[in-house]
Amino acid sequence: MAEFSYEIVKELGVLSEGSGGWKKELNLVSWNGKDPKYDIRDWGPDHEKMGKGVTLTTVDLKALKELLADIQLED
């Protein structure tokens, strides 16, 4: 597996928390020293481990925000 680096530039919020201390978070993350992007993924305690996630540019996040504003959620 290829090596990579990451830096959580800004923690924006927690979406949910699991029983083992893992949290689904929205953060601004720099991957491999590149410009930070918005990132939604599960993180272990102290951000030492991570699950699969989705990384979004500012343009992507703005489009998602507009889509979510127009969606009527069902329970």
N, C-alpha and C. Protein backbone atom coordinates (compact mmCIF):
# COMPACT_ATOMS: atom_id res chain seq x y z
N MET A 1 0.84 -1.18 0.00
CA MET A 1 0.00 0.00 0.00
C MET A 1 0.89 1.24 0.00
N ALA A 2 0.52 2.23 -0.78
CA ALA A 2 1.30 3.46 -0.89
C ALA A 2 1.22 4.27 0.41
N GLU A 3 2.33 4.89 0.76
CA GLU A 3 2.35 5.72 1.95
C GLU A 3 1.75 7.08 1.64
N PHE A 4 1.15 7.69 2.63
CA PHE A 4 0.57 9.01 2.47
C PHE A 4 0.66 9.75 3.79
N SER A 5 0.48 11.05 3.72
CA SER A 5 0.47 11.86 4.94
C SER A 5 -0.79 12.71 4.95
N TYR A 6 -1.17 13.12 6.13
CA TYR A 6 -2.34 13.99 6.26
C TYR A 6 -2.15 14.92 7.45
N GLU A 7 -2.81 16.07 7.36
CA GLU A 7 -2.84 17.02 8.47
C GLU A 7 -4.26 17.56 8.55
N ILE A 8 -4.88 17.40 9.69
CA ILE A 8 -6.19 18.00 9.90
C ILE A 8 -5.96 19.47 10.20
N VAL A 9 -6.28 20.31 9.22
CA VAL A 9 -6.03 21.74 9.33
C VAL A 9 -7.07 22.40 10.24
N LYS A 10 -8.33 21.94 10.12
CA LYS A 10 -9.39 22.51 10.94
C LYS A 10 -10.47 21.46 11.16
N GLU A 11 -10.85 21.26 12.41
CA GLU A 11 -11.94 20.36 12.75
C GLU A 11 -13.24 21.17 12.70
N LEU A 12 -14.14 20.80 11.79
CA LEU A 12 -15.35 21.59 11.58
C LEU A 12 -16.55 21.07 12.36
N GLY A 13 -16.61 19.75 12.61
CA GLY A 13 -17.72 19.25 13.39
C GLY A 13 -17.85 17.74 13.36
N VAL A 14 -18.57 17.22 14.34
CA VAL A 14 -18.84 15.79 14.46
C VAL A 14 -20.27 15.54 14.01
N LEU A 15 -20.43 14.60 13.06
CA LEU A 15 -21.75 14.25 12.56
C LEU A 15 -22.41 13.17 13.41
N SER A 16 -21.60 12.21 13.87
CA SER A 16 -22.12 11.14 14.73
C SER A 16 -20.96 10.49 15.46
N GLU A 17 -21.30 9.71 16.50
CA GLU A 17 -20.27 9.00 17.26
C GLU A 17 -20.72 7.57 17.50
N GLY A 18 -19.80 6.62 17.24
CA GLY A 18 -20.09 5.22 17.47
C GLY A 18 -19.72 4.79 18.87
N SER A 19 -20.07 3.56 19.20
CA SER A 19 -19.85 3.07 20.56
C SER A 19 -18.37 2.88 20.91
N GLY A 20 -17.52 2.66 19.92
CA GLY A 20 -16.10 2.44 20.19
C GLY A 20 -15.26 3.71 20.21
N GLY A 21 -15.91 4.87 20.24
CA GLY A 21 -15.18 6.13 20.28
C GLY A 21 -14.88 6.70 18.91
N TRP A 22 -15.23 5.96 17.85
CA TRP A 22 -15.03 6.47 16.50
C TRP A 22 -16.09 7.53 16.20
N LYS A 23 -15.68 8.57 15.47
CA LYS A 23 -16.59 9.66 15.14
C LYS A 23 -16.58 9.93 13.64
N LYS A 24 -17.76 10.18 13.09
CA LYS A 24 -17.86 10.64 11.70
C LYS A 24 -17.76 12.16 11.75
N GLU A 25 -16.74 12.70 11.09
CA GLU A 25 -16.44 14.13 11.21
C GLU A 25 -16.34 14.81 9.86
N LEU A 26 -16.61 16.11 9.87
CA LEU A 26 -16.31 16.99 8.74
C LEU A 26 -15.11 17.82 9.14
N ASN A 27 -14.02 17.67 8.39
CA ASN A 27 -12.78 18.39 8.69
C ASN A 27 -12.21 18.98 7.40
N LEU A 28 -11.32 19.91 7.57
CA LEU A 28 -10.52 20.43 6.47
C LEU A 28 -9.17 19.75 6.58
N VAL A 29 -8.82 18.92 5.56
CA VAL A 29 -7.64 18.06 5.65
C VAL A 29 -6.71 18.31 4.47
N SER A 30 -5.43 18.39 4.76
CA SER A 30 -4.39 18.45 3.72
C SER A 30 -3.83 17.04 3.55
N TRP A 31 -3.96 16.49 2.34
CA TRP A 31 -3.45 15.15 2.03
C TRP A 31 -2.15 15.29 1.27
N ASN A 32 -1.11 14.63 1.75
CA ASN A 32 0.20 14.63 1.09
C ASN A 32 0.74 16.03 0.83
N GLY A 33 0.48 16.95 1.76
CA GLY A 33 1.02 18.30 1.67
C GLY A 33 0.33 19.20 0.66
N LYS A 34 -0.77 18.73 0.07
CA LYS A 34 -1.50 19.53 -0.92
C LYS A 34 -2.48 20.47 -0.23
N ASP A 35 -3.11 21.33 -1.04
CA ASP A 35 -4.10 22.26 -0.49
C ASP A 35 -5.18 21.49 0.26
N PRO A 36 -5.63 22.02 1.40
CA PRO A 36 -6.66 21.33 2.18
C PRO A 36 -7.98 21.22 1.42
N LYS A 37 -8.70 20.12 1.68
CA LYS A 37 -10.03 19.90 1.11
C LYS A 37 -10.95 19.48 2.25
N TYR A 38 -12.24 19.65 2.00
CA TYR A 38 -13.23 19.21 2.98
C TYR A 38 -13.32 17.69 2.94
N ASP A 39 -13.44 17.09 4.10
CA ASP A 39 -13.35 15.64 4.21
C ASP A 39 -14.37 15.12 5.21
N ILE A 40 -15.14 14.12 4.80
CA ILE A 40 -16.10 13.46 5.69
C ILE A 40 -15.66 12.01 5.82
N ARG A 41 -15.35 11.58 7.05
CA ARG A 41 -14.94 10.19 7.27
C ARG A 41 -15.00 9.86 8.75
N ASP A 42 -14.91 8.57 9.04
CA ASP A 42 -14.84 8.09 10.42
C ASP A 42 -13.40 8.18 10.89
N TRP A 43 -13.24 8.67 12.11
CA TRP A 43 -11.92 8.77 12.73
C TRP A 43 -11.93 8.06 14.08
N GLY A 44 -10.85 7.34 14.35
CA GLY A 44 -10.67 6.73 15.65
C GLY A 44 -10.29 7.79 16.67
N PRO A 45 -10.28 7.39 17.95
CA PRO A 45 -9.87 8.33 18.99
C PRO A 45 -8.48 8.91 18.68
N ASP A 46 -8.32 10.19 18.93
CA ASP A 46 -7.06 10.92 18.73
C ASP A 46 -6.64 10.99 17.26
N HIS A 47 -7.55 10.67 16.33
CA HIS A 47 -7.28 10.75 14.89
C HIS A 47 -6.08 9.91 14.45
N GLU A 48 -5.82 8.83 15.17
CA GLU A 48 -4.70 7.95 14.80
C GLU A 48 -5.08 6.97 13.70
N LYS A 49 -6.35 6.58 13.65
CA LYS A 49 -6.84 5.67 12.61
C LYS A 49 -8.03 6.32 11.92
N MET A 50 -8.26 5.92 10.66
CA MET A 50 -9.36 6.49 9.90
C MET A 50 -10.04 5.42 9.07
N GLY A 51 -11.29 5.67 8.75
CA GLY A 51 -12.03 4.81 7.84
C GLY A 51 -12.07 5.45 6.47
N LYS A 52 -12.76 4.79 5.56
CA LYS A 52 -12.93 5.36 4.22
C LYS A 52 -13.81 6.59 4.32
N GLY A 53 -13.58 7.51 3.40
CA GLY A 53 -14.35 8.74 3.44
C GLY A 53 -14.51 9.37 2.09
N VAL A 54 -15.00 10.59 2.11
CA VAL A 54 -15.23 11.37 0.89
C VAL A 54 -14.51 12.70 1.06
N THR A 55 -13.74 13.09 0.05
CA THR A 55 -13.03 14.36 0.05
C THR A 55 -13.66 15.27 -0.99
N LEU A 56 -13.93 16.51 -0.60
CA LEU A 56 -14.64 17.45 -1.46
C LEU A 56 -13.87 18.76 -1.60
N THR A 57 -13.88 19.31 -2.81
CA THR A 57 -13.34 20.66 -3.01
C THR A 57 -14.37 21.65 -2.49
N THR A 58 -14.00 22.92 -2.45
CA THR A 58 -14.95 23.95 -2.04
C THR A 58 -16.14 23.99 -3.00
N VAL A 59 -15.88 23.84 -4.29
CA VAL A 59 -16.95 23.83 -5.29
C VAL A 59 -17.89 22.65 -5.04
N ASP A 60 -17.32 21.46 -4.78
CA ASP A 60 -18.14 20.27 -4.48
C ASP A 60 -19.00 20.50 -3.24
N LEU A 61 -18.40 21.06 -2.19
CA LEU A 61 -19.12 21.26 -0.94
C LEU A 61 -20.26 22.26 -1.11
N LYS A 62 -20.02 23.32 -1.89
CA LYS A 62 -21.08 24.30 -2.17
C LYS A 62 -22.24 23.64 -2.92
N ALA A 63 -21.92 22.78 -3.90
CA ALA A 63 -22.96 22.08 -4.65
C ALA A 63 -23.73 21.14 -3.74
N LEU A 64 -23.03 20.43 -2.85
CA LEU A 64 -23.69 19.54 -1.90
C LEU A 64 -24.61 20.32 -0.96
N LYS A 65 -24.15 21.47 -0.51
CA LYS A 65 -24.95 22.31 0.37
C LYS A 65 -26.25 22.73 -0.31
N GLU A 66 -26.16 23.10 -1.58
CA GLU A 66 -27.35 23.49 -2.34
C GLU A 66 -28.30 22.30 -2.51
N LEU A 67 -27.75 21.13 -2.82
CA LEU A 67 -28.57 19.93 -2.97
C LEU A 67 -29.29 19.59 -1.67
N LEU A 68 -28.55 19.64 -0.57
CA LEU A 68 -29.15 19.30 0.73
C LEU A 68 -30.25 20.29 1.12
N ALA A 69 -30.08 21.55 0.75
CA ALA A 69 -31.10 22.55 1.07
C ALA A 69 -32.41 22.26 0.35
N ASP A 70 -32.34 21.60 -0.80
CA ASP A 70 -33.53 21.31 -1.60
C ASP A 70 -34.14 19.96 -1.32
N ILE A 71 -33.50 19.14 -0.52
CA ILE A 71 -33.99 17.78 -0.26
C ILE A 71 -34.94 17.79 0.93
N GLN A 72 -36.07 17.11 0.75
CA GLN A 72 -36.99 16.92 1.87
C GLN A 72 -36.71 15.54 2.46
N LEU A 73 -36.21 15.52 3.68
CA LEU A 73 -35.81 14.28 4.32
C LEU A 73 -37.01 13.52 4.87
N GLU A 74 -36.92 12.20 4.79
CA GLU A 74 -37.95 11.33 5.37
C GLU A 74 -37.34 10.60 6.55
N ASP A 75 -38.13 10.38 7.57
CA ASP A 75 -37.63 9.62 8.74
C ASP A 75 -37.69 8.14 8.49
